[in-house]
Every structure is written in C-alpha cells, then in structure tokens.
C-alpha atoms as a PDB file:
ATOM      1  CA  UNK A   1      30.470  -1.523  -0.098  1.00  0.00           C
ATOM      2  CA  UNK A   2      26.716  -1.068   0.290  1.00  0.00           C
ATOM      3  CA  UNK A   3      24.422  -2.323   3.035  1.00  0.00           C
ATOM      4  CA  UNK A   4      21.484  -4.072   1.399  1.00  0.00           C
ATOM      5  CA  UNK A   5      18.328  -5.638   2.862  1.00  0.00           C
ATOM      6  CA  UNK A   6      16.401  -8.165   0.778  1.00  0.00           C
ATOM      7  CA  UNK A   7      12.730  -8.784   1.601  1.00  0.00           C
ATOM      8  CA  UNK A   8      11.142 -11.907   0.159  1.00  0.00           C
ATOM      9  CA  UNK A   9       8.220 -14.294   0.687  1.00  0.00           C
ATOM     10  CA  UNK A  10       9.727 -17.475   2.120  1.00  0.00           C
ATOM     11  CA  UNK A  11       6.583 -19.483   1.431  1.00  0.00           C
ATOM     12  CA  UNK A  12       6.998 -18.837  -2.306  1.00  0.00           C
ATOM     13  CA  UNK A  13       9.691 -21.080  -3.707  1.00  0.00           C
ATOM     14  CA  UNK A  14      10.653 -18.863  -6.649  1.00  0.00           C
ATOM     15  CA  UNK A  15      11.361 -15.711  -4.596  1.00  0.00           C
ATOM     16  CA  UNK A  16      12.944 -17.723  -1.771  1.00  0.00           C
ATOM     17  CA  UNK A  17      15.381 -19.427  -4.127  1.00  0.00           C
ATOM     18  CA  UNK A  18      16.132 -16.170  -5.943  1.00  0.00           C
ATOM     19  CA  UNK A  19      16.806 -14.392  -2.622  1.00  0.00           C
ATOM     20  CA  UNK A  20      19.380 -17.031  -1.610  1.00  0.00           C
ATOM     21  CA  UNK A  21      21.185 -16.686  -4.945  1.00  0.00           C
ATOM     22  CA  UNK A  22      21.098 -12.893  -4.780  1.00  0.00           C
ATOM     23  CA  UNK A  23      22.558 -12.818  -1.264  1.00  0.00           C
ATOM     24  CA  UNK A  24      25.466 -14.963  -2.421  1.00  0.00           C
ATOM     25  CA  UNK A  25      26.072 -12.837  -5.547  1.00  0.00           C
ATOM     26  CA  UNK A  26      25.995  -9.524  -3.683  1.00  0.00           C
ATOM     27  CA  UNK A  27      28.243 -10.781  -0.884  1.00  0.00           C
ATOM     28  CA  UNK A  28      30.805 -11.902  -3.477  1.00  0.00           C
ATOM     29  CA  UNK A  29      30.732  -8.335  -4.813  1.00  0.00           C
ATOM     30  CA  UNK A  30      31.685  -7.118  -1.338  1.00  0.00           C
ATOM     31  CA  UNK A  31      28.309  -5.873  -0.120  1.00  0.00           C
ATOM     32  CA  UNK A  32      26.816  -6.435   3.328  1.00  0.00           C
ATOM     33  CA  UNK A  33      23.509  -8.239   2.808  1.00  0.00           C
ATOM     34  CA  UNK A  34      20.639  -9.143   5.121  1.00  0.00           C
ATOM     35  CA  UNK A  35      17.720 -11.309   3.946  1.00  0.00           C
ATOM     36  CA  UNK A  36      14.314 -10.983   5.646  1.00  0.00           C
ATOM     37  CA  UNK A  37      11.481 -13.452   5.131  1.00  0.00           C
ATOM     38  CA  UNK A  38       8.383 -11.263   5.396  1.00  0.00           C
ATOM     39  CA  UNK A  39       6.114 -14.273   5.813  1.00  0.00           C
ATOM     40  CA  UNK A  40       8.179 -15.412   8.808  1.00  0.00           C
ATOM     41  CA  UNK A  41       7.968 -11.943  10.341  1.00  0.00           C
ATOM     42  CA  UNK A  42       4.176 -12.058  10.034  1.00  0.00           C
ATOM     43  CA  UNK A  43       1.907  -9.393   8.587  1.00  0.00           C
ATOM     44  CA  UNK A  44       1.226  -7.866  11.996  1.00  0.00           C
ATOM     45  CA  UNK A  45       4.884  -7.532  12.934  1.00  0.00           C
ATOM     46  CA  UNK A  46       5.542  -4.123  11.388  1.00  0.00           C
ATOM     47  CA  UNK A  47       3.446  -2.428  14.071  1.00  0.00           C
ATOM     48  CA  UNK A  48       6.083  -3.168  16.693  1.00  0.00           C
ATOM     49  CA  UNK A  49       9.027  -3.811  14.384  1.00  0.00           C
ATOM     50  CA  UNK A  50      12.311  -2.107  15.298  1.00  0.00           C
ATOM     51  CA  UNK A  51      12.518   0.254  12.349  1.00  0.00           C
ATOM     52  CA  UNK A  52      15.876   1.596  13.532  1.00  0.00           C
ATOM     53  CA  UNK A  53      17.364  -1.691  12.303  1.00  0.00           C
ATOM     54  CA  UNK A  54      17.117  -0.249   8.761  1.00  0.00           C
ATOM     55  CA  UNK A  55      18.743   3.068   9.645  1.00  0.00           C
ATOM     56  CA  UNK A  56      22.117   2.211   8.117  1.00  0.00           C
ATOM     57  CA  UNK A  57      20.756   0.255   5.139  1.00  0.00           C
ATOM     58  CA  UNK A  58      21.508   1.874   1.760  1.00  0.00           C
ATOM     59  CA  UNK A  59      18.976  -0.032  -0.327  1.00  0.00           C
ATOM     60  CA  UNK A  60      16.052  -2.395   0.152  1.00  0.00           C
ATOM     61  CA  UNK A  61      15.321  -4.951  -2.559  1.00  0.00           C
ATOM     62  CA  UNK A  62      11.809  -6.409  -2.367  1.00  0.00           C
ATOM     63  CA  UNK A  63      11.203  -9.668  -4.213  1.00  0.00           C
ATOM     64  CA  UNK A  64       7.450 -10.034  -4.598  1.00  0.00           C
ATOM     65  CA  UNK A  65       4.251  -8.418  -5.768  1.00  0.00           C
ATOM     66  CA  UNK A  66       2.671  -5.161  -4.701  1.00  0.00           C
ATOM     67  CA  UNK A  67       1.437  -6.637  -1.379  1.00  0.00           C
ATOM     68  CA  UNK A  68       4.958  -7.594  -0.338  1.00  0.00           C
ATOM     69  CA  UNK A  69       6.247  -4.147  -1.310  1.00  0.00           C
ATOM     70  CA  UNK A  70       3.499  -2.396   0.670  1.00  0.00           C
ATOM     71  CA  UNK A  71       4.409  -4.460   3.738  1.00  0.00           C
ATOM     72  CA  UNK A  72       8.123  -3.688   3.349  1.00  0.00           C
ATOM     73  CA  UNK A  73       7.333   0.013   2.895  1.00  0.00           C
ATOM     74  CA  UNK A  74       5.614   0.181   6.290  1.00  0.00           C
ATOM     75  CA  UNK A  75       8.422  -1.719   8.001  1.00  0.00           C
ATOM     76  CA  UNK A  76      11.103   0.749   6.938  1.00  0.00           C
ATOM     77  CA  UNK A  77       9.033   3.941   6.639  1.00  0.00           C
ATOM     78  CA  UNK A  78      10.710   5.862   9.463  1.00  0.00           C
ATOM     79  CA  UNK A  79      14.175   5.557   7.936  1.00  0.00           C
ATOM     80  CA  UNK A  80      13.260   6.637   4.405  1.00  0.00           C
ATOM     81  CA  UNK A  81      15.422   3.863   2.977  1.00  0.00           C
ATOM     82  CA  UNK A  82      14.944   3.634  -0.802  1.00  0.00           C
ATOM     83  CA  UNK A  83      13.190   0.560  -2.214  1.00  0.00           C
ATOM     84  CA  UNK A  84      13.583  -1.264  -5.508  1.00  0.00           C
ATOM     85  CA  UNK A  85      10.797  -3.742  -6.238  1.00  0.00           C
ATOM     86  CA  UNK A  86      11.519  -6.908  -8.239  1.00  0.00           C
ATOM     87  CA  UNK A  87       8.325  -8.362  -9.673  1.00  0.00           C
ATOM     88  CA  UNK A  88       7.389 -11.837  -8.444  1.00  0.00           C
ATOM     89  CA  UNK A  89       3.687 -11.003  -8.399  1.00  0.00           C
ATOM     90  CA  UNK A  90       1.018 -10.349 -11.012  1.00  0.00           C
ATOM     91  CA  UNK A  91       0.105  -6.696 -11.435  1.00  0.00           C
ATOM     92  CA  UNK A  92       3.350  -4.988 -10.475  1.00  0.00           C
ATOM     93  CA  UNK A  93       2.171  -1.374 -10.138  1.00  0.00           C
ATOM     94  CA  UNK A  94       4.966  -0.741  -7.633  1.00  0.00           C
ATOM     95  CA  UNK A  95       7.722  -2.965  -8.989  1.00  0.00           C
ATOM     96  CA  UNK A  96      10.622  -1.614 -11.006  1.00  0.00           C
ATOM     97  CA  UNK A  97      12.352  -4.678 -12.422  1.00  0.00           C
ATOM     98  CA  UNK A  98      11.698  -8.221 -13.533  1.00  0.00           C
ATOM     99  CA  UNK A  99      13.955 -10.948 -12.058  1.00  0.00           C
ATOM    100  CA  UNK A 100      15.810 -11.275 -15.372  1.00  0.00           C
ATOM    101  CA  UNK A 101      16.792  -7.583 -15.181  1.00  0.00           C
ATOM    102  CA  UNK A 102      18.737  -7.918 -11.936  1.00  0.00           C
ATOM    103  CA  UNK A 103      22.030  -9.084 -13.464  1.00  0.00           C
ATOM    104  CA  UNK A 104      22.251  -6.184 -15.919  1.00  0.00           C
ATOM    105  CA  UNK A 105      20.395  -3.353 -14.153  1.00  0.00           C
ATOM    106  CA  UNK A 106      20.934  -3.603 -10.386  1.00  0.00           C
ATOM    107  CA  UNK A 107      24.240  -1.730 -10.610  1.00  0.00           C
ATOM    108  CA  UNK A 108      22.435   1.426 -11.742  1.00  0.00           C
ATOM    109  CA  UNK A 109      20.521   1.582  -8.448  1.00  0.00           C
ATOM    110  CA  UNK A 110      23.443   0.549  -6.261  1.00  0.00           C
ATOM    111  CA  UNK A 111      25.842   3.070  -7.762  1.00  0.00           C
ATOM    112  CA  UNK A 112      23.504   6.050  -7.973  1.00  0.00           C
ATOM    113  CA  UNK A 113      23.544   6.290 -11.750  1.00  0.00           C
ATOM    114  CA  UNK A 114      22.330   9.612 -13.219  1.00  0.00           C
ATOM    115  CA  UNK A 115      19.387   7.773 -14.843  1.00  0.00           C
ATOM    116  CA  UNK A 116      17.955   6.881 -11.402  1.00  0.00           C
ATOM    117  CA  UNK A 117      15.388   9.160  -9.756  1.00  0.00           C
ATOM    118  CA  UNK A 118      13.457   9.021  -6.467  1.00  0.00           C
ATOM    119  CA  UNK A 119       9.711   8.337  -6.637  1.00  0.00           C
ATOM    120  CA  UNK A 120       8.401   9.619  -3.298  1.00  0.00           C
ATOM    121  CA  UNK A 121       4.952   8.400  -2.247  1.00  0.00           C
ATOM    122  CA  UNK A 122       2.621   9.793   0.411  1.00  0.00           C
ATOM    123  CA  UNK A 123       1.560   7.544   3.297  1.00  0.00           C
ATOM    124  CA  UNK A 124      -1.376   7.692   5.718  1.00  0.00           C
ATOM    125  CA  UNK A 125      -1.429   7.750   9.485  1.00  0.00           C
ATOM    126  CA  UNK A 126      -4.609   6.468  11.117  1.00  0.00           C
ATOM    127  CA  UNK A 127      -5.769   6.403  14.736  1.00  0.00           C
ATOM    128  CA  UNK A 128      -8.478   3.940  15.778  1.00  0.00           C
ATOM    129  CA  UNK A 129     -10.341   4.787  18.992  1.00  0.00           C
ATOM    130  CA  UNK A 130     -12.809   2.436  20.654  1.00  0.00           C
ATOM    131  CA  UNK A 131     -13.552   1.134  24.166  1.00  0.00           C
ATOM    132  CA  UNK A 132     -11.263   3.817  25.609  1.00  0.00           C
ATOM    133  CA  UNK A 133      -8.304   2.380  23.666  1.00  0.00           C
ATOM    134  CA  UNK A 134      -6.239   4.152  21.021  1.00  0.00           C
ATOM    135  CA  UNK A 135      -4.209   2.372  18.325  1.00  0.00           C
ATOM    136  CA  UNK A 136      -2.072   3.906  15.561  1.00  0.00           C
ATOM    137  CA  UNK A 137      -1.493   2.544  12.054  1.00  0.00           C
ATOM    138  CA  UNK A 138       0.581   3.447   9.026  1.00  0.00           C
ATOM    139  CA  UNK A 139      -0.505   2.718   5.448  1.00  0.00           C
ATOM    140  CA  UNK A 140       0.923   3.179   1.969  1.00  0.00           C
ATOM    141  CA  UNK A 141      -2.255   2.191   0.095  1.00  0.00           C
ATOM    142  CA  UNK A 142      -5.383   2.803   2.103  1.00  0.00           C
ATOM    143  CA  UNK A 143      -7.424   2.787   5.281  1.00  0.00           C
ATOM    144  CA  UNK A 144     -10.758   0.957   5.031  1.00  0.00           C
ATOM    145  CA  UNK A 145     -13.697   0.707   7.408  1.00  0.00           C
ATOM    146  CA  UNK A 146     -16.512  -1.592   6.406  1.00  0.00           C
ATOM    147  CA  UNK A 147     -19.438  -3.718   7.510  1.00  0.00           C
ATOM    148  CA  UNK A 148     -18.907  -7.131   9.045  1.00  0.00           C
ATOM    149  CA  UNK A 149     -20.124 -10.461   7.707  1.00  0.00           C
ATOM    150  CA  UNK A 150     -23.813  -9.595   7.592  1.00  0.00           C
ATOM    151  CA  UNK A 151     -25.034  -7.946   4.353  1.00  0.00           C
ATOM    152  CA  UNK A 152     -26.316  -4.819   6.077  1.00  0.00           C
ATOM    153  CA  UNK A 153     -25.199  -1.275   5.351  1.00  0.00           C
ATOM    154  CA  UNK A 154     -23.350   0.757   7.939  1.00  0.00           C
ATOM    155  CA  UNK A 155     -23.571   4.488   8.585  1.00  0.00           C
ATOM    156  CA  UNK A 156     -20.307   6.401   8.408  1.00  0.00           C
ATOM    157  CA  UNK A 157     -20.280  10.035   9.533  1.00  0.00           C
ATOM    158  CA  UNK A 158     -17.514  12.044   7.862  1.00  0.00           C
ATOM    159  CA  UNK A 159     -15.796  15.194   9.104  1.00  0.00           C
ATOM    160  CA  UNK A 160     -13.066  17.049   7.191  1.00  0.00           C
ATOM    161  CA  UNK A 161     -11.025  19.436   9.369  1.00  0.00           C
ATOM    162  CA  UNK A 162     -13.797  19.357  11.995  1.00  0.00           C
ATOM    163  CA  UNK A 163     -16.414  20.296   9.388  1.00  0.00           C
ATOM    164  CA  UNK A 164     -19.254  17.773   9.210  1.00  0.00           C
ATOM    165  CA  UNK A 165     -19.340  16.688   5.561  1.00  0.00           C
ATOM    166  CA  UNK A 166     -21.963  13.929   5.333  1.00  0.00           C
ATOM    167  CA  UNK A 167     -23.192  10.534   6.468  1.00  0.00           C
ATOM    168  CA  UNK A 168     -22.662   7.647   4.042  1.00  0.00           C
ATOM    169  CA  UNK A 169     -25.028   4.703   3.995  1.00  0.00           C
ATOM    170  CA  UNK A 170     -22.815   2.090   2.389  1.00  0.00           C
ATOM    171  CA  UNK A 171     -20.834  -1.098   2.864  1.00  0.00           C
ATOM    172  CA  UNK A 172     -18.003   1.096   4.099  1.00  0.00           C
ATOM    173  CA  UNK A 173     -15.510   3.817   3.154  1.00  0.00           C
ATOM    174  CA  UNK A 174     -11.994   3.782   1.712  1.00  0.00           C
ATOM    175  CA  UNK A 175      -9.460   6.544   2.276  1.00  0.00           C
ATOM    176  CA  UNK A 176      -6.608   6.009  -0.145  1.00  0.00           C
ATOM    177  CA  UNK A 177      -3.368   7.627  -1.176  1.00  0.00           C
ATOM    178  CA  UNK A 178      -2.482   8.147  -4.832  1.00  0.00           C
ATOM    179  CA  UNK A 179      -0.619   4.826  -4.606  1.00  0.00           C
ATOM    180  CA  UNK A 180      -3.718   3.116  -3.230  1.00  0.00           C
ATOM    181  CA  UNK A 181      -5.977   4.687  -5.840  1.00  0.00           C
ATOM    182  CA  UNK A 182      -5.122   1.746  -8.141  1.00  0.00           C
ATOM    183  CA  UNK A 183      -6.036  -0.821  -5.479  1.00  0.00           C
ATOM    184  CA  UNK A 184      -9.394  -1.243  -3.662  1.00  0.00           C
ATOM    185  CA  UNK A 185     -10.366   2.331  -4.578  1.00  0.00           C
ATOM    186  CA  UNK A 186     -10.165   1.484  -8.288  1.00  0.00           C
ATOM    187  CA  UNK A 187     -12.150  -1.725  -7.775  1.00  0.00           C
ATOM    188  CA  UNK A 188     -15.151   0.212  -6.427  1.00  0.00           C
ATOM    189  CA  UNK A 189     -15.025   2.880  -9.139  1.00  0.00           C
ATOM    190  CA  UNK A 190     -12.943   5.569  -7.413  1.00  0.00           C
ATOM    191  CA  UNK A 191     -10.693   7.939  -9.385  1.00  0.00           C
ATOM    192  CA  UNK A 192      -7.118   7.088 -10.362  1.00  0.00           C
ATOM    193  CA  UNK A 193      -4.426   9.522  -9.227  1.00  0.00           C
ATOM    194  CA  UNK A 194      -0.903   9.880 -10.576  1.00  0.00           C
ATOM    195  CA  UNK A 195       1.511   8.540  -7.905  1.00  0.00           C
ATOM    196  CA  UNK A 196       3.061  11.980  -7.273  1.00  0.00           C
ATOM    197  CA  UNK A 197      -0.281  13.506  -6.241  1.00  0.00           C
ATOM    198  CA  UNK A 198      -0.238  14.089  -2.488  1.00  0.00           C
ATOM    199  CA  UNK A 199      -4.018  14.252  -1.981  1.00  0.00           C
ATOM    200  CA  UNK A 200      -6.211  11.634  -0.306  1.00  0.00           C
ATOM    201  CA  UNK A 201      -9.288  10.061  -1.903  1.00  0.00           C
ATOM    202  CA  UNK A 202     -12.421   9.282   0.116  1.00  0.00           C
ATOM    203  CA  UNK A 203     -14.568   6.687  -1.679  1.00  0.00           C
ATOM    204  CA  UNK A 204     -17.777   5.012  -0.392  1.00  0.00           C
ATOM    205  CA  UNK A 205     -18.101   1.264  -0.963  1.00  0.00           C
ATOM    206  CA  UNK A 206     -21.434   0.384  -2.631  1.00  0.00           C
ATOM    207  CA  UNK A 207     -23.101   3.617  -1.492  1.00  0.00           C
ATOM    208  CA  UNK A 208     -26.890   3.517  -1.341  1.00  0.00           C
ATOM    209  CA  UNK A 209     -27.319   7.110  -2.537  1.00  0.00           C
ATOM    210  CA  UNK A 210     -26.260   8.051  -6.060  1.00  0.00           C
ATOM    211  CA  UNK A 211     -25.171  11.466  -4.779  1.00  0.00           C
ATOM    212  CA  UNK A 212     -22.578   9.874  -2.460  1.00  0.00           C
ATOM    213  CA  UNK A 213     -19.459  10.182  -4.634  1.00  0.00           C
ATOM    214  CA  UNK A 214     -15.701   9.963  -4.275  1.00  0.00           C
ATOM    215  CA  UNK A 215     -14.049  13.067  -2.911  1.00  0.00           C
ATOM    216  CA  UNK A 216     -10.433  14.141  -3.447  1.00  0.00           C
ATOM    217  CA  UNK A 217      -9.168  15.879  -0.326  1.00  0.00           C
ATOM    218  CA  UNK A 218      -6.230  18.249   0.092  1.00  0.00           C
ATOM    219  CA  UNK A 219      -3.046  16.754   1.625  1.00  0.00           C
ATOM    220  CA  UNK A 220      -3.116  18.885   4.796  1.00  0.00           C
ATOM    221  CA  UNK A 221      -6.640  17.821   5.798  1.00  0.00           C
ATOM    222  CA  UNK A 222      -7.633  15.665   8.745  1.00  0.00           C
ATOM    223  CA  UNK A 223     -10.471  13.228   8.075  1.00  0.00           C
ATOM    224  CA  UNK A 224     -12.533  11.836  10.935  1.00  0.00           C
ATOM    225  CA  UNK A 225     -14.906   8.915  10.463  1.00  0.00           C
ATOM    226  CA  UNK A 226     -17.379   7.454  12.932  1.00  0.00           C
ATOM    227  CA  UNK A 227     -18.941   4.129  12.032  1.00  0.00           C
ATOM    228  CA  UNK A 228     -22.331   2.926  13.262  1.00  0.00           C
ATOM    229  CA  UNK A 229     -22.709  -0.799  12.689  1.00  0.00           C
ATOM    230  CA  UNK A 230     -25.926  -1.585  14.547  1.00  0.00           C
ATOM    231  CA  UNK A 231     -26.036  -5.073  16.044  1.00  0.00           C
ATOM    232  CA  UNK A 232     -22.927  -6.376  14.271  1.00  0.00           C
ATOM    233  CA  UNK A 233     -19.265  -5.388  14.471  1.00  0.00           C
ATOM    234  CA  UNK A 234     -17.428  -3.827  11.549  1.00  0.00           C
ATOM    235  CA  UNK A 235     -13.930  -4.175  10.130  1.00  0.00           C
ATOM    236  CA  UNK A 236     -10.969  -1.773  10.085  1.00  0.00           C
ATOM    237  CA  UNK A 237      -8.071  -2.431   7.724  1.00  0.00           C
ATOM    238  CA  UNK A 238      -4.776  -0.702   6.949  1.00  0.00           C
ATOM    239  CA  UNK A 239      -3.375  -1.740   3.555  1.00  0.00           C
ATOM    240  CA  UNK A 240      -5.576  -4.845   3.672  1.00  0.00           C
ATOM    241  CA  UNK A 241      -2.913  -6.372   5.951  1.00  0.00           C
ATOM    242  CA  UNK A 242      -3.413  -4.926   9.444  1.00  0.00           C
ATOM    243  CA  UNK A 243      -6.984  -5.757  10.404  1.00  0.00           C
ATOM    244  CA  UNK A 244      -9.135  -5.094  13.460  1.00  0.00           C
ATOM    245  CA  UNK A 245     -12.712  -5.754  14.459  1.00  0.00           C
ATOM    246  CA  UNK A 246     -14.439  -2.468  15.255  1.00  0.00           C
ATOM    247  CA  UNK A 247     -17.511  -1.815  17.337  1.00  0.00           C
ATOM    248  CA  UNK A 248     -20.512   0.429  16.887  1.00  0.00           C
ATOM    249  CA  UNK A 249     -19.438   4.061  17.394  1.00  0.00           C
ATOM    250  CA  UNK A 250     -15.701   3.536  16.757  1.00  0.00           C
ATOM    251  CA  UNK A 251     -13.832   6.651  15.584  1.00  0.00           C
ATOM    252  CA  UNK A 252     -11.056   6.630  12.985  1.00  0.00           C
ATOM    253  CA  UNK A 253      -8.911   9.705  12.317  1.00  0.00           C
ATOM    254  CA  UNK A 254      -6.792   9.767   9.166  1.00  0.00           C
ATOM    255  CA  UNK A 255      -4.206  12.260   7.953  1.00  0.00           C
ATOM    256  CA  UNK A 256      -1.174  12.283   5.700  1.00  0.00           C
ATOM    257  CA  UNK A 257       1.799  10.730   7.513  1.00  0.00           C
ATOM    258  CA  UNK A 258       5.091  12.509   8.091  1.00  0.00           C
ATOM    259  CA  UNK A 259       6.704   9.379   6.622  1.00  0.00           C
ATOM    260  CA  UNK A 260       6.973   8.685   2.917  1.00  0.00           C
ATOM    261  CA  UNK A 261       7.927   5.666   0.850  1.00  0.00           C
ATOM    262  CA  UNK A 262      10.841   6.254  -1.514  1.00  0.00           C
ATOM    263  CA  UNK A 263      11.198   4.075  -4.608  1.00  0.00           C
ATOM    264  CA  UNK A 264      14.178   4.197  -6.916  1.00  0.00           C
ATOM    265  CA  UNK A 265      13.182   4.364 -10.590  1.00  0.00           C
ATOM    266  CA  UNK A 266      14.746   4.410 -14.023  1.00  0.00           C
ATOM    267  CA  UNK A 267      11.458   4.111 -15.852  1.00  0.00           C
ATOM    268  CA  UNK A 268      10.046   7.578 -16.704  1.00  0.00           C
ATOM    269  CA  UNK A 269       7.227   9.058 -14.555  1.00  0.00           C
ATOM    270  CA  UNK A 270       4.882   8.569 -17.538  1.00  0.00           C
ATOM    271  CA  UNK A 271       5.310   4.781 -17.192  1.00  0.00           C
ATOM    272  CA  UNK A 272       2.360   4.998 -14.781  1.00  0.00           C
ATOM    273  CA  UNK A 273      -0.003   5.710 -17.700  1.00  0.00           C
ATOM    274  CA  UNK A 274       1.422   2.785 -19.635  1.00  0.00           C
ATOM    275  CA  UNK A 275       0.895   0.285 -16.824  1.00  0.00           C
ATOM    276  CA  UNK A 276      -2.623   1.630 -16.075  1.00  0.00           C
ATOM    277  CA  UNK A 277      -3.524   1.252 -19.745  1.00  0.00           C
ATOM    278  CA  UNK A 278      -2.177  -2.291 -19.846  1.00  0.00           C
ATOM    279  CA  UNK A 279      -3.982  -3.220 -16.618  1.00  0.00           C
ATOM    280  CA  UNK A 280      -7.337  -1.832 -17.758  1.00  0.00           C
ATOM    281  CA  UNK A 281      -7.067  -3.485 -21.179  1.00  0.00           C
ATOM    282  CA  UNK A 282      -6.150  -6.785 -19.523  1.00  0.00           C
ATOM    283  CA  UNK A 283      -9.154  -6.491 -17.181  1.00  0.00           C
ATOM    284  CA  UNK A 284     -11.439  -5.880 -20.176  1.00  0.00           C
ATOM    285  CA  UNK A 285     -10.030  -8.898 -22.014  1.00  0.00           C
ATOM    286  CA  UNK A 286     -10.488 -11.075 -18.915  1.00  0.00           C
ATOM    287  CA  UNK A 287     -14.073  -9.838 -18.523  1.00  0.00           C
ATOM    288  CA  UNK A 288     -14.825 -10.578 -22.192  1.00  0.00           C
ATOM    289  CA  UNK A 289     -13.331 -14.060 -21.907  1.00  0.00           C
ATOM    290  CA  UNK A 290     -15.473 -14.680 -18.842  1.00  0.00           C
ATOM    291  CA  UNK A 291     -18.589 -13.451 -20.625  1.00  0.00           C
ATOM    292  CA  UNK A 292     -17.895 -15.697 -23.625  1.00  0.00           C
ATOM    293  CA  UNK A 293     -17.475 -18.666 -21.317  1.00  0.00           C
ATOM    294  CA  UNK A 294     -21.083 -18.464 -20.111  1.00  0.00           C
END
C-alpha cells in the first residue's frame, strides 16, 4: 500500500472530475489517498502550510499545468516527496504524463520500476527586507522585482557575494533557476538552461542599456538586490504566485535553497530539448499566424 496525495484545481471541471475518479480507483487498489484542491487552499497558503503533513506521503500526483505543479512543489518542498505531473495545462514543461497515460503508466511510478529516474531541480530562497520587516519565500521558478503600474524604469543595484556588480536601469530583474529559465526569463530573452543545471540566471527586464545582459551565476553565490522605485512602489514576486508590494529602498537577498523539487521521470533527460524545440516552433507558428491576420 502506498500513501498518495493528489493535487488538483477544483475550479477546473476536467481536473476536478478526474481527481475524484482517480481517488476511487487508487483506493480500490488498496492505496491510502488524499485529494487536495489547490485553489481552495489559496495561492498564499504554502507560506504557512504545514509541510510535515506530507512527510509520510510516498508520491504526489499533480493534475494541472506548470503553475499548479510549481505551487505543489513549494507546498511539499521540505519533505522531498517525489512528484508526477499529469498535464491538464497547455505548455507542460514540468508534466510527465497525459491523462490518458494514467491507466497504463502510473504503476511504473508507484512500484519503483527500473525505468523511473529522479529529476532533481534546484529551488531559490529569497528574503525580502523593508520597513524593518523580514519575510522569507521559496521558489521553484523565479524571484522577480519590478516597477509598479507607472511606466517608469526602476534602479536595481546588484551585489554578488558582497561584490557590487552593477546598477540596472530597467523595468525590473528576474533571478531564475534552470526550471524557471523557460518561464518569464525566456519571455524577456534570457538564456535557456537544461533542468539539471544548478546555476541561477540574473536577467534584466527591458534594460535601458544594451550592455546590461543576462548573467549566469554559480550555485553557491548569494545575490543581493536593492530596488529604487522613486515616487511609486514596486512589485516583488516569487514564482508569479506569491506577490508583495515593495517600497523604495527594499532589499531582496536570493540564494539557492537547501530544498529541492524531485520529479519522477521515465522520459529521457534529452526530452527537454524536444519540448523546447516544439515550444519554440509553436511560438513561431503562432506569431506568423498573428502577422498574417493583420
């Protein structure tokens, strides 16, 4: 008997219905199953969530897209419980199976088949300091600081291991993991990293100087950012899901977390190149279709 947790988006009928059926099927097979509606828990809940509740869980099944998987990864990070993502989203960089694969393939992951390997991903730990307060965050994808609603650049001073590196004049800065390199970082022209790379990527958002480029930083480094927003407030975001308003002079310190996210895979490590290729080709086709429409 295995202890299984199923994360799903209750507001989405397809994943909600599938979760109910899966619970019933797995219980009939003798497994102990717990279903968790991530939408009900709320996107902010993982900050104070009792992560020890996943200590005895053998496997986490996440029914959703990459956003749902990222949320689940933070919620169970401290226990290192392995995750299998079932794609109910669009892109599916992090998912392993399609819903139709569950009936034939789930047993491989449950029974520790020799074809299954562990895909371990680096996470980020961030500390936000402002107004004498200190708040900690965990992220699988990225930490972002950016301007507020007004279209004015912010200044971001950057230190790496206490060495002053530069000051960016930009809309903001992204610090991403290899996992997050295919998210916001990719959208603003940052480099793509293979998921097993442990380094962090620092990428300015719409930098005003051509010399202000992305920088790949060694895993052991500590990055400190100080944002100067002028008369408006800025925005801090962890994984695009945990968001805070930040004030002029706020300091953000980011380093690689002691926690990792562990995915179970049967697809080969080179599948990453296949999905990147497909994604980029699809983006080009979409762009061409859009251009033809005008």
